[in-house]
């Protein structure tokens, strides 16, 4: 298993880069989201990776953030979603946007990615959303919010925690972190803060 790569960026093309590690060039398929965060050619780069082994090929996929790698692994675990479709979705959606689509049941947004039809998008939402119940998530923050704000805040908090769980974080950790935030924050802002605050807990 190749967990990560750290080396010099030699080639950068749409959805593909080459990282020179000790004189060996690793060809890595990646997303447009990760490409937008990479340094210039000739500079040092670090990527979290996933090695996909098939009978006729071994393909290496790289991501700038652990949360994006987590999304990729979950996507290819969904029946009917291959590596190409997973990269397409993550090229059009950041990890927090993707998690929010799943948590809120927004399959339509996923169909904007090339190669992703409505049935596939609905399957993604159904299979991944089943990993966590909004009712259970809401229970995790009940009592932590001030009574005056519980009505609205619990809804936003539940969505944010559900999205973080979709990304692979423990429900208890996500609930504790989100409960400490400003309850008037938007769902997406909560998710972004959660990704930063819980980094390294995957």
N, C-alpha and C. Protein backbone atom coordinates (compact mmCIF):
# COMPACT_ATOMS: atom_id res chain seq x y z
N UNK A 1 0.85 -1.21 0.00
CA UNK A 1 0.00 0.00 0.00
C UNK A 1 0.88 1.25 0.00
N UNK A 2 0.58 2.18 -0.89
CA UNK A 2 1.29 3.46 -0.92
C UNK A 2 0.37 4.50 -0.28
N UNK A 3 0.70 4.90 0.94
CA UNK A 3 -0.18 5.81 1.69
C UNK A 3 -0.06 7.25 1.22
N UNK A 4 1.16 7.67 0.86
CA UNK A 4 1.36 9.06 0.43
C UNK A 4 2.62 9.18 -0.40
N UNK A 5 2.75 10.31 -1.08
CA UNK A 5 3.94 10.63 -1.86
C UNK A 5 4.42 12.03 -1.50
N UNK A 6 5.74 12.16 -1.35
CA UNK A 6 6.33 13.48 -1.13
C UNK A 6 7.54 13.59 -2.04
N UNK A 7 7.50 14.55 -2.94
CA UNK A 7 8.59 14.69 -3.89
C UNK A 7 8.46 15.96 -4.69
N UNK A 8 9.09 15.97 -5.84
CA UNK A 8 9.08 17.15 -6.71
C UNK A 8 8.05 17.01 -7.81
N UNK A 9 7.25 18.02 -8.01
CA UNK A 9 6.23 18.00 -9.06
C UNK A 9 6.92 18.20 -10.41
N UNK A 10 6.81 17.21 -11.30
CA UNK A 10 7.47 17.28 -12.61
C UNK A 10 6.51 17.56 -13.76
N UNK A 11 5.29 17.03 -13.65
CA UNK A 11 4.28 17.19 -14.71
C UNK A 11 2.94 17.49 -14.07
N UNK A 12 2.20 18.43 -14.65
CA UNK A 12 0.87 18.74 -14.16
C UNK A 12 -0.06 18.95 -15.35
N UNK A 13 -0.98 18.01 -15.55
CA UNK A 13 -1.95 18.06 -16.64
C UNK A 13 -3.34 17.87 -16.05
N UNK A 14 -4.38 18.11 -16.84
CA UNK A 14 -5.73 17.90 -16.32
C UNK A 14 -5.92 16.48 -15.78
N UNK A 15 -6.18 16.37 -14.49
CA UNK A 15 -6.43 15.10 -13.82
C UNK A 15 -5.23 14.16 -13.76
N UNK A 16 -4.00 14.69 -13.98
CA UNK A 16 -2.82 13.83 -13.94
C UNK A 16 -1.57 14.63 -13.59
N UNK A 17 -0.76 14.06 -12.68
CA UNK A 17 0.51 14.68 -12.32
C UNK A 17 1.59 13.61 -12.23
N UNK A 18 2.84 14.05 -12.30
CA UNK A 18 3.97 13.16 -12.07
C UNK A 18 4.78 13.72 -10.92
N UNK A 19 5.00 12.88 -9.90
CA UNK A 19 5.77 13.29 -8.73
C UNK A 19 7.07 12.50 -8.71
N UNK A 20 8.19 13.22 -8.72
CA UNK A 20 9.52 12.61 -8.69
C UNK A 20 9.92 12.35 -7.25
N UNK A 21 10.02 11.07 -6.89
CA UNK A 21 10.43 10.69 -5.54
C UNK A 21 11.75 9.92 -5.63
N UNK A 22 12.84 10.56 -5.26
CA UNK A 22 14.15 9.91 -5.30
C UNK A 22 14.54 9.43 -6.68
N UNK A 23 14.16 10.16 -7.72
CA UNK A 23 14.52 9.79 -9.08
C UNK A 23 13.52 8.90 -9.78
N UNK A 24 12.46 8.49 -9.07
CA UNK A 24 11.40 7.67 -9.67
C UNK A 24 10.16 8.53 -9.87
N UNK A 25 9.67 8.58 -11.09
CA UNK A 25 8.50 9.40 -11.39
C UNK A 25 7.21 8.60 -11.21
N UNK A 26 6.39 9.02 -10.27
CA UNK A 26 5.10 8.35 -10.05
C UNK A 26 4.00 9.10 -10.80
N UNK A 27 3.32 8.40 -11.71
CA UNK A 27 2.18 8.99 -12.39
C UNK A 27 0.95 8.87 -11.51
N UNK A 28 0.31 9.99 -11.24
CA UNK A 28 -0.80 10.01 -10.29
C UNK A 28 -2.03 10.67 -10.92
N UNK A 29 -3.15 9.96 -10.90
CA UNK A 29 -4.41 10.55 -11.37
C UNK A 29 -5.02 11.32 -10.21
N UNK A 30 -5.60 12.46 -10.51
CA UNK A 30 -6.13 13.28 -9.43
C UNK A 30 -7.31 14.13 -9.89
N UNK A 31 -7.82 14.95 -8.99
CA UNK A 31 -8.98 15.79 -9.29
C UNK A 31 -8.57 17.21 -9.63
N UNK A 32 -9.47 17.94 -10.24
CA UNK A 32 -9.19 19.35 -10.55
C UNK A 32 -9.09 20.15 -9.26
N UNK A 33 -9.79 19.69 -8.22
CA UNK A 33 -9.72 20.37 -6.93
C UNK A 33 -8.31 20.29 -6.36
N UNK A 34 -7.72 19.10 -6.39
CA UNK A 34 -6.35 18.94 -5.91
C UNK A 34 -5.36 19.69 -6.80
N UNK A 35 -5.55 19.62 -8.11
CA UNK A 35 -4.65 20.32 -9.04
C UNK A 35 -4.60 21.81 -8.75
N UNK A 36 -5.73 22.38 -8.37
CA UNK A 36 -5.79 23.82 -8.11
C UNK A 36 -5.00 24.20 -6.86
N UNK A 37 -4.69 23.22 -6.03
CA UNK A 37 -3.98 23.50 -4.77
C UNK A 37 -2.49 23.15 -4.85
N UNK A 38 -2.05 22.59 -5.96
CA UNK A 38 -0.66 22.16 -6.07
C UNK A 38 0.27 23.33 -6.36
N UNK A 39 1.55 23.19 -5.97
CA UNK A 39 2.54 24.24 -6.24
C UNK A 39 2.97 24.22 -7.72
N UNK A 40 3.90 25.06 -8.07
CA UNK A 40 4.39 25.13 -9.44
C UNK A 40 5.31 23.95 -9.75
N UNK A 41 5.49 23.69 -11.04
CA UNK A 41 6.41 22.64 -11.48
C UNK A 41 7.80 22.89 -10.89
N UNK A 42 8.41 21.82 -10.38
CA UNK A 42 9.74 21.94 -9.79
C UNK A 42 9.74 22.14 -8.30
N UNK A 43 8.55 22.38 -7.72
CA UNK A 43 8.47 22.57 -6.28
C UNK A 43 8.03 21.27 -5.58
N UNK A 44 8.22 21.24 -4.26
CA UNK A 44 7.89 20.04 -3.49
C UNK A 44 6.37 19.91 -3.33
N UNK A 45 5.89 18.67 -3.42
CA UNK A 45 4.46 18.42 -3.32
C UNK A 45 4.22 17.19 -2.43
N UNK A 46 3.10 17.19 -1.73
CA UNK A 46 2.72 16.05 -0.90
C UNK A 46 1.29 15.65 -1.26
N UNK A 47 1.08 14.35 -1.48
CA UNK A 47 -0.25 13.85 -1.80
C UNK A 47 -0.57 12.61 -0.99
N UNK A 48 -1.82 12.53 -0.51
CA UNK A 48 -2.33 11.29 0.06
C UNK A 48 -2.75 10.43 -1.13
N UNK A 49 -2.48 9.14 -1.08
CA UNK A 49 -2.70 8.33 -2.27
C UNK A 49 -3.56 7.09 -2.02
N UNK A 50 -4.09 6.58 -3.12
CA UNK A 50 -4.85 5.34 -3.12
C UNK A 50 -4.41 4.53 -4.34
N UNK A 51 -3.99 3.28 -4.12
CA UNK A 51 -3.54 2.42 -5.21
C UNK A 51 -4.67 1.47 -5.59
N UNK A 52 -5.14 1.61 -6.82
CA UNK A 52 -6.22 0.76 -7.33
C UNK A 52 -5.60 -0.35 -8.19
N UNK A 53 -5.71 -1.58 -7.72
CA UNK A 53 -5.11 -2.72 -8.42
C UNK A 53 -6.18 -3.50 -9.16
N UNK A 54 -5.96 -3.67 -10.47
CA UNK A 54 -6.85 -4.48 -11.29
C UNK A 54 -6.04 -5.56 -11.98
N UNK A 55 -6.70 -6.44 -12.70
CA UNK A 55 -6.00 -7.52 -13.38
C UNK A 55 -5.04 -6.99 -14.45
N UNK A 56 -5.45 -5.92 -15.11
CA UNK A 56 -4.66 -5.42 -16.23
C UNK A 56 -3.94 -4.10 -15.96
N UNK A 57 -4.05 -3.58 -14.74
CA UNK A 57 -3.40 -2.28 -14.47
C UNK A 57 -3.34 -1.99 -12.98
N UNK A 58 -2.40 -1.09 -12.65
CA UNK A 58 -2.32 -0.55 -11.29
C UNK A 58 -2.30 0.97 -11.42
N UNK A 59 -3.33 1.61 -10.91
CA UNK A 59 -3.46 3.06 -11.03
C UNK A 59 -3.33 3.72 -9.66
N UNK A 60 -2.55 4.79 -9.61
CA UNK A 60 -2.34 5.51 -8.36
C UNK A 60 -3.12 6.82 -8.41
N UNK A 61 -3.91 7.07 -7.37
CA UNK A 61 -4.71 8.29 -7.27
C UNK A 61 -4.20 9.13 -6.11
N UNK A 62 -4.12 10.44 -6.32
CA UNK A 62 -3.57 11.30 -5.28
C UNK A 62 -4.48 12.47 -4.95
N UNK A 63 -4.43 12.90 -3.67
CA UNK A 63 -5.31 13.96 -3.18
C UNK A 63 -4.56 14.86 -2.21
N UNK A 64 -4.87 16.13 -2.24
CA UNK A 64 -4.17 17.09 -1.39
C UNK A 64 -4.62 17.04 0.05
N UNK A 65 -5.82 16.50 0.29
CA UNK A 65 -6.36 16.45 1.65
C UNK A 65 -6.89 15.06 1.97
N UNK A 66 -6.80 14.66 3.24
CA UNK A 66 -7.32 13.37 3.67
C UNK A 66 -8.82 13.28 3.47
N UNK A 67 -9.52 14.39 3.64
CA UNK A 67 -10.98 14.37 3.49
C UNK A 67 -11.37 14.05 2.04
N UNK A 68 -10.57 14.51 1.08
CA UNK A 68 -10.87 14.22 -0.32
C UNK A 68 -10.60 12.74 -0.61
N UNK A 69 -9.54 12.21 -0.04
CA UNK A 69 -9.24 10.78 -0.18
C UNK A 69 -10.36 9.95 0.44
N UNK A 70 -10.87 10.38 1.59
CA UNK A 70 -11.97 9.67 2.24
C UNK A 70 -13.21 9.65 1.34
N UNK A 71 -13.49 10.78 0.70
CA UNK A 71 -14.64 10.86 -0.22
C UNK A 71 -14.44 9.90 -1.39
N UNK A 72 -13.23 9.87 -1.93
CA UNK A 72 -12.93 9.01 -3.08
C UNK A 72 -13.14 7.54 -2.72
N UNK A 73 -12.63 7.13 -1.56
CA UNK A 73 -12.78 5.74 -1.14
C UNK A 73 -14.25 5.36 -0.98
N UNK A 74 -15.03 6.27 -0.42
CA UNK A 74 -16.46 5.99 -0.24
C UNK A 74 -17.17 5.90 -1.58
N UNK A 75 -16.81 6.78 -2.50
CA UNK A 75 -17.46 6.80 -3.81
C UNK A 75 -17.22 5.52 -4.58
N UNK A 76 -15.97 5.05 -4.63
CA UNK A 76 -15.69 3.84 -5.40
C UNK A 76 -16.24 2.60 -4.70
N UNK A 77 -16.66 2.76 -3.46
CA UNK A 77 -17.28 1.65 -2.74
C UNK A 77 -18.76 1.53 -3.05
N UNK A 78 -19.30 2.53 -3.74
CA UNK A 78 -20.72 2.50 -4.12
C UNK A 78 -20.86 1.70 -5.42
N UNK A 79 -21.78 0.79 -5.45
CA UNK A 79 -22.01 -0.04 -6.63
C UNK A 79 -22.28 0.81 -7.87
N UNK A 80 -21.50 0.59 -8.92
CA UNK A 80 -21.71 1.32 -10.17
C UNK A 80 -20.89 2.58 -10.31
N UNK A 81 -20.12 2.94 -9.28
CA UNK A 81 -19.29 4.15 -9.35
C UNK A 81 -17.82 3.73 -9.51
N UNK A 82 -17.26 4.04 -10.66
CA UNK A 82 -15.87 3.70 -10.92
C UNK A 82 -14.93 4.85 -10.61
N UNK A 83 -13.62 4.62 -10.75
CA UNK A 83 -12.61 5.66 -10.46
C UNK A 83 -12.82 6.94 -11.28
N UNK A 84 -13.19 6.79 -12.55
CA UNK A 84 -13.36 7.97 -13.40
C UNK A 84 -14.52 8.84 -12.92
N UNK A 85 -15.65 8.21 -12.58
CA UNK A 85 -16.80 8.97 -12.11
C UNK A 85 -16.50 9.62 -10.76
N UNK A 86 -15.77 8.90 -9.90
CA UNK A 86 -15.41 9.45 -8.59
C UNK A 86 -14.55 10.69 -8.73
N UNK A 87 -13.57 10.63 -9.65
CA UNK A 87 -12.72 11.80 -9.88
C UNK A 87 -13.53 12.96 -10.45
N UNK A 88 -14.48 12.64 -11.30
CA UNK A 88 -15.32 13.68 -11.90
C UNK A 88 -16.13 14.40 -10.83
N UNK A 89 -16.72 13.64 -9.92
CA UNK A 89 -17.52 14.24 -8.84
C UNK A 89 -16.65 15.13 -7.95
N UNK A 90 -15.47 14.62 -7.60
CA UNK A 90 -14.60 15.38 -6.69
C UNK A 90 -13.87 16.52 -7.39
N UNK A 91 -13.92 16.53 -8.71
CA UNK A 91 -13.38 17.67 -9.45
C UNK A 91 -14.37 18.83 -9.43
N UNK A 92 -15.66 18.47 -9.30
CA UNK A 92 -16.72 19.48 -9.30
C UNK A 92 -17.19 19.86 -7.90
N UNK A 93 -16.83 19.06 -6.90
CA UNK A 93 -17.27 19.32 -5.53
C UNK A 93 -16.12 19.18 -4.56
N UNK A 94 -15.95 20.15 -3.68
CA UNK A 94 -14.97 20.02 -2.61
C UNK A 94 -15.50 18.96 -1.63
N UNK A 95 -14.65 18.44 -0.74
CA UNK A 95 -15.14 17.44 0.22
C UNK A 95 -16.35 17.91 1.01
N UNK A 96 -16.33 19.18 1.47
CA UNK A 96 -17.47 19.65 2.25
C UNK A 96 -18.73 19.80 1.40
N UNK A 97 -18.58 20.18 0.13
CA UNK A 97 -19.74 20.28 -0.75
C UNK A 97 -20.32 18.90 -1.05
N UNK A 98 -19.44 17.94 -1.28
CA UNK A 98 -19.89 16.58 -1.54
C UNK A 98 -20.62 16.01 -0.32
N UNK A 99 -20.02 16.17 0.85
CA UNK A 99 -20.63 15.66 2.07
C UNK A 99 -21.98 16.30 2.33
N UNK A 100 -22.10 17.59 2.03
CA UNK A 100 -23.37 18.29 2.22
C UNK A 100 -24.43 17.76 1.25
N UNK A 101 -24.02 17.46 0.01
CA UNK A 101 -24.95 16.89 -0.97
C UNK A 101 -25.52 15.57 -0.44
N UNK A 102 -24.64 14.74 0.12
CA UNK A 102 -25.07 13.44 0.64
C UNK A 102 -25.96 13.62 1.86
N UNK A 103 -25.51 14.45 2.80
CA UNK A 103 -26.25 14.65 4.05
C UNK A 103 -27.63 15.24 3.82
N UNK A 104 -27.75 16.11 2.80
CA UNK A 104 -29.03 16.77 2.54
C UNK A 104 -29.87 16.04 1.48
N UNK A 105 -29.32 14.95 0.93
CA UNK A 105 -30.07 14.19 -0.07
C UNK A 105 -30.13 14.86 -1.43
N UNK A 106 -29.17 15.73 -1.73
CA UNK A 106 -29.17 16.48 -2.99
C UNK A 106 -28.46 15.70 -4.10
N UNK A 107 -29.15 14.71 -4.65
CA UNK A 107 -28.56 13.89 -5.71
C UNK A 107 -28.42 14.68 -7.01
N UNK A 108 -29.31 15.63 -7.24
CA UNK A 108 -29.31 16.39 -8.50
C UNK A 108 -27.99 17.11 -8.72
N UNK A 109 -27.41 17.66 -7.65
CA UNK A 109 -26.14 18.39 -7.80
C UNK A 109 -25.03 17.49 -8.30
N UNK A 110 -25.08 16.21 -7.91
CA UNK A 110 -24.03 15.27 -8.32
C UNK A 110 -24.12 14.94 -9.81
N UNK A 111 -25.31 15.10 -10.41
CA UNK A 111 -25.47 14.77 -11.83
C UNK A 111 -24.79 15.79 -12.74
N UNK A 112 -24.33 16.91 -12.18
CA UNK A 112 -23.63 17.91 -12.99
C UNK A 112 -22.24 17.44 -13.39
N UNK A 113 -21.76 16.40 -12.73
CA UNK A 113 -20.44 15.86 -13.04
C UNK A 113 -20.54 14.90 -14.22
N UNK A 114 -19.55 14.95 -15.10
CA UNK A 114 -19.54 14.10 -16.30
C UNK A 114 -19.59 12.63 -15.93
N UNK A 115 -20.46 11.88 -16.62
CA UNK A 115 -20.56 10.45 -16.41
C UNK A 115 -21.39 10.02 -15.23
N UNK A 116 -22.07 10.98 -14.60
CA UNK A 116 -22.89 10.64 -13.43
C UNK A 116 -24.36 10.93 -13.74
N UNK A 117 -25.13 9.86 -13.94
CA UNK A 117 -26.55 10.01 -14.22
C UNK A 117 -27.35 10.10 -12.93
N UNK A 118 -28.65 10.35 -13.07
CA UNK A 118 -29.50 10.53 -11.90
C UNK A 118 -29.57 9.26 -11.05
N UNK A 119 -29.68 8.10 -11.68
CA UNK A 119 -29.78 6.85 -10.92
C UNK A 119 -28.51 6.61 -10.10
N UNK A 120 -27.36 6.89 -10.72
CA UNK A 120 -26.09 6.71 -10.02
C UNK A 120 -25.99 7.69 -8.86
N UNK A 121 -26.38 8.94 -9.11
CA UNK A 121 -26.33 9.97 -8.07
C UNK A 121 -27.24 9.60 -6.90
N UNK A 122 -28.42 9.10 -7.20
CA UNK A 122 -29.37 8.70 -6.15
C UNK A 122 -28.81 7.52 -5.36
N UNK A 123 -28.13 6.60 -6.05
CA UNK A 123 -27.54 5.46 -5.36
C UNK A 123 -26.44 5.91 -4.40
N UNK A 124 -25.64 6.88 -4.84
CA UNK A 124 -24.57 7.42 -4.00
C UNK A 124 -25.15 8.01 -2.72
N UNK A 125 -26.16 8.85 -2.89
CA UNK A 125 -26.78 9.50 -1.73
C UNK A 125 -27.40 8.47 -0.80
N UNK A 126 -28.12 7.50 -1.37
CA UNK A 126 -28.80 6.49 -0.56
C UNK A 126 -27.81 5.65 0.24
N UNK A 127 -26.78 5.14 -0.44
CA UNK A 127 -25.84 4.24 0.23
C UNK A 127 -24.99 4.95 1.28
N UNK A 128 -24.56 6.18 0.97
CA UNK A 128 -23.70 6.89 1.91
C UNK A 128 -24.48 7.57 3.02
N UNK A 129 -25.68 8.02 2.70
CA UNK A 129 -26.49 8.68 3.72
C UNK A 129 -26.95 7.69 4.77
N UNK A 130 -27.08 6.44 4.39
CA UNK A 130 -27.51 5.40 5.33
C UNK A 130 -26.48 5.16 6.42
N UNK A 131 -25.27 5.70 6.25
CA UNK A 131 -24.22 5.49 7.25
C UNK A 131 -24.53 6.22 8.55
N UNK A 132 -25.37 7.22 8.45
CA UNK A 132 -25.70 7.97 9.67
C UNK A 132 -27.14 8.47 9.61
N UNK A 133 -27.82 8.39 10.71
CA UNK A 133 -29.20 8.86 10.80
C UNK A 133 -29.23 10.28 11.34
N UNK A 134 -29.94 11.13 10.67
CA UNK A 134 -30.04 12.52 11.14
C UNK A 134 -30.65 12.59 12.54
N UNK A 135 -31.58 11.68 12.80
CA UNK A 135 -32.18 11.68 14.13
C UNK A 135 -31.14 11.37 15.20
N UNK A 136 -30.26 10.40 14.90
CA UNK A 136 -29.21 10.04 15.85
C UNK A 136 -28.23 11.19 16.02
N UNK A 137 -27.91 11.85 14.90
CA UNK A 137 -26.99 12.97 14.95
C UNK A 137 -27.58 14.10 15.78
N UNK A 138 -28.85 14.36 15.58
CA UNK A 138 -29.50 15.43 16.34
C UNK A 138 -29.46 15.13 17.83
N UNK A 139 -29.65 13.86 18.18
CA UNK A 139 -29.58 13.47 19.59
C UNK A 139 -28.22 13.78 20.18
N UNK A 140 -27.19 13.72 19.32
CA UNK A 140 -25.83 13.95 19.80
C UNK A 140 -25.59 15.38 20.23
N UNK A 141 -26.41 16.33 19.73
CA UNK A 141 -26.21 17.72 20.11
C UNK A 141 -27.32 18.25 21.01
N UNK A 142 -28.37 17.45 21.21
CA UNK A 142 -29.44 17.87 22.11
C UNK A 142 -28.89 18.07 23.51
N UNK A 143 -29.18 19.20 24.09
CA UNK A 143 -28.69 19.46 25.44
C UNK A 143 -27.40 20.25 25.44
N UNK A 144 -26.67 20.23 24.31
CA UNK A 144 -25.43 21.00 24.25
C UNK A 144 -25.69 22.42 23.77
N UNK A 145 -26.82 22.60 23.08
CA UNK A 145 -27.16 23.92 22.57
C UNK A 145 -27.99 24.68 23.60
N UNK A 146 -27.88 25.99 23.55
CA UNK A 146 -28.70 26.80 24.45
C UNK A 146 -30.16 26.63 24.05
N UNK A 147 -31.09 26.53 25.01
CA UNK A 147 -32.50 26.30 24.71
C UNK A 147 -33.07 27.30 23.73
N UNK A 148 -32.64 28.55 23.83
CA UNK A 148 -33.21 29.58 22.96
C UNK A 148 -32.85 29.36 21.51
N UNK A 149 -31.70 28.70 21.25
CA UNK A 149 -31.28 28.54 19.86
C UNK A 149 -31.43 27.12 19.36
N UNK A 150 -31.90 26.22 20.21
CA UNK A 150 -31.92 24.80 19.85
C UNK A 150 -32.76 24.51 18.63
N UNK A 151 -33.87 25.24 18.44
CA UNK A 151 -34.76 24.96 17.33
C UNK A 151 -34.10 25.02 15.99
N UNK A 152 -33.40 26.14 15.71
CA UNK A 152 -32.76 26.31 14.41
C UNK A 152 -31.38 25.66 14.39
N UNK A 153 -30.61 25.86 15.46
CA UNK A 153 -29.23 25.39 15.47
C UNK A 153 -29.12 23.89 15.36
N UNK A 154 -30.03 23.15 15.99
CA UNK A 154 -29.93 21.70 15.95
C UNK A 154 -30.05 21.19 14.52
N UNK A 155 -30.91 21.83 13.71
CA UNK A 155 -31.05 21.43 12.31
C UNK A 155 -29.76 21.61 11.54
N UNK A 156 -29.13 22.80 11.66
CA UNK A 156 -27.86 23.05 10.98
C UNK A 156 -26.77 22.14 11.53
N UNK A 157 -26.73 22.01 12.84
CA UNK A 157 -25.70 21.18 13.46
C UNK A 157 -25.85 19.72 13.03
N UNK A 158 -27.08 19.24 12.98
CA UNK A 158 -27.32 17.85 12.57
C UNK A 158 -26.84 17.61 11.15
N UNK A 159 -27.11 18.56 10.24
CA UNK A 159 -26.65 18.43 8.85
C UNK A 159 -25.13 18.42 8.79
N UNK A 160 -24.49 19.33 9.53
CA UNK A 160 -23.03 19.44 9.51
C UNK A 160 -22.39 18.17 10.08
N UNK A 161 -22.92 17.68 11.20
CA UNK A 161 -22.36 16.48 11.82
C UNK A 161 -22.56 15.27 10.90
N UNK A 162 -23.72 15.18 10.28
CA UNK A 162 -23.99 14.10 9.34
C UNK A 162 -22.98 14.11 8.20
N UNK A 163 -22.68 15.32 7.69
CA UNK A 163 -21.71 15.45 6.60
C UNK A 163 -20.31 15.03 7.05
N UNK A 164 -19.92 15.40 8.26
CA UNK A 164 -18.60 15.03 8.77
C UNK A 164 -18.49 13.53 8.99
N UNK A 165 -19.60 12.91 9.42
CA UNK A 165 -19.60 11.46 9.58
C UNK A 165 -19.46 10.78 8.22
N UNK A 166 -20.12 11.34 7.20
CA UNK A 166 -19.98 10.83 5.84
C UNK A 166 -18.51 10.86 5.42
N UNK A 167 -17.80 11.87 5.87
CA UNK A 167 -16.38 12.03 5.53
C UNK A 167 -15.47 11.14 6.37
N UNK A 168 -16.04 10.39 7.29
CA UNK A 168 -15.24 9.43 8.02
C UNK A 168 -14.91 9.77 9.46
N UNK A 169 -15.42 10.90 9.97
CA UNK A 169 -15.13 11.27 11.36
C UNK A 169 -16.11 10.60 12.31
N UNK A 170 -15.66 10.36 13.53
CA UNK A 170 -16.52 9.74 14.54
C UNK A 170 -17.65 10.69 14.89
N UNK A 171 -18.85 10.14 15.05
CA UNK A 171 -20.02 10.98 15.34
C UNK A 171 -19.84 11.75 16.64
N UNK A 172 -19.26 11.09 17.66
CA UNK A 172 -19.09 11.75 18.95
C UNK A 172 -18.14 12.95 18.85
N UNK A 173 -17.06 12.78 18.09
CA UNK A 173 -16.09 13.87 17.92
C UNK A 173 -16.70 15.02 17.12
N UNK A 174 -17.41 14.66 16.05
CA UNK A 174 -18.04 15.69 15.21
C UNK A 174 -19.09 16.46 16.00
N UNK A 175 -19.90 15.73 16.79
CA UNK A 175 -20.95 16.38 17.58
C UNK A 175 -20.36 17.32 18.62
N UNK A 176 -19.29 16.89 19.28
CA UNK A 176 -18.67 17.72 20.31
C UNK A 176 -18.08 18.99 19.69
N UNK A 177 -17.47 18.86 18.51
CA UNK A 177 -16.87 20.03 17.87
C UNK A 177 -17.94 21.01 17.40
N UNK A 178 -18.94 20.50 16.68
CA UNK A 178 -19.98 21.37 16.14
C UNK A 178 -20.76 22.05 17.25
N UNK A 179 -20.96 21.36 18.38
CA UNK A 179 -21.71 21.94 19.49
C UNK A 179 -21.00 23.15 20.08
N UNK A 180 -19.68 23.25 19.88
CA UNK A 180 -18.92 24.38 20.42
C UNK A 180 -18.93 25.59 19.49
N UNK A 181 -19.54 25.44 18.31
CA UNK A 181 -19.54 26.52 17.33
C UNK A 181 -20.73 27.47 17.52
N UNK A 182 -20.63 28.60 16.84
CA UNK A 182 -21.72 29.57 16.83
C UNK A 182 -22.93 28.92 16.15
N UNK A 183 -24.05 28.75 16.83
CA UNK A 183 -25.20 28.07 16.24
C UNK A 183 -25.82 28.79 15.05
N UNK A 184 -25.44 30.07 14.84
CA UNK A 184 -26.00 30.80 13.70
C UNK A 184 -25.17 30.60 12.43
N UNK A 185 -24.05 29.87 12.53
CA UNK A 185 -23.20 29.63 11.37
C UNK A 185 -23.93 28.77 10.35
N UNK A 186 -23.59 28.95 9.07
CA UNK A 186 -24.22 28.14 8.03
C UNK A 186 -23.71 26.71 8.10
N UNK A 187 -24.45 25.80 7.48
CA UNK A 187 -24.06 24.40 7.49
C UNK A 187 -22.69 24.21 6.85
N UNK A 188 -22.46 24.86 5.71
CA UNK A 188 -21.18 24.70 5.01
C UNK A 188 -20.02 25.26 5.82
N UNK A 189 -20.25 26.38 6.51
CA UNK A 189 -19.19 26.94 7.36
C UNK A 189 -18.87 26.00 8.51
N UNK A 190 -19.90 25.36 9.05
CA UNK A 190 -19.68 24.39 10.12
C UNK A 190 -18.84 23.22 9.63
N UNK A 191 -19.15 22.75 8.42
CA UNK A 191 -18.41 21.62 7.86
C UNK A 191 -16.95 22.00 7.62
N UNK A 192 -16.73 23.19 7.05
CA UNK A 192 -15.36 23.64 6.79
C UNK A 192 -14.57 23.75 8.09
N UNK A 193 -15.20 24.31 9.10
CA UNK A 193 -14.53 24.45 10.41
C UNK A 193 -14.25 23.07 11.00
N UNK A 194 -15.20 22.17 10.82
CA UNK A 194 -15.03 20.82 11.35
C UNK A 194 -13.87 20.09 10.69
N UNK A 195 -13.73 20.26 9.36
CA UNK A 195 -12.64 19.62 8.64
C UNK A 195 -11.28 20.12 9.14
N UNK A 196 -11.21 21.42 9.46
CA UNK A 196 -9.96 21.98 9.96
C UNK A 196 -9.72 21.55 11.40
N UNK A 197 -10.77 21.65 12.22
CA UNK A 197 -10.62 21.36 13.63
C UNK A 197 -10.39 19.89 13.95
N UNK A 198 -10.91 19.01 13.08
CA UNK A 198 -10.78 17.58 13.33
C UNK A 198 -9.71 16.93 12.47
N UNK A 199 -8.94 17.73 11.75
CA UNK A 199 -7.88 17.22 10.88
C UNK A 199 -6.95 16.32 11.68
N UNK A 200 -6.67 15.16 11.13
CA UNK A 200 -5.78 14.22 11.81
C UNK A 200 -6.50 13.19 12.65
N UNK A 201 -7.83 13.36 12.77
CA UNK A 201 -8.60 12.42 13.59
C UNK A 201 -9.18 11.27 12.80
N UNK A 202 -8.92 11.25 11.48
CA UNK A 202 -9.46 10.17 10.66
C UNK A 202 -8.74 8.86 10.98
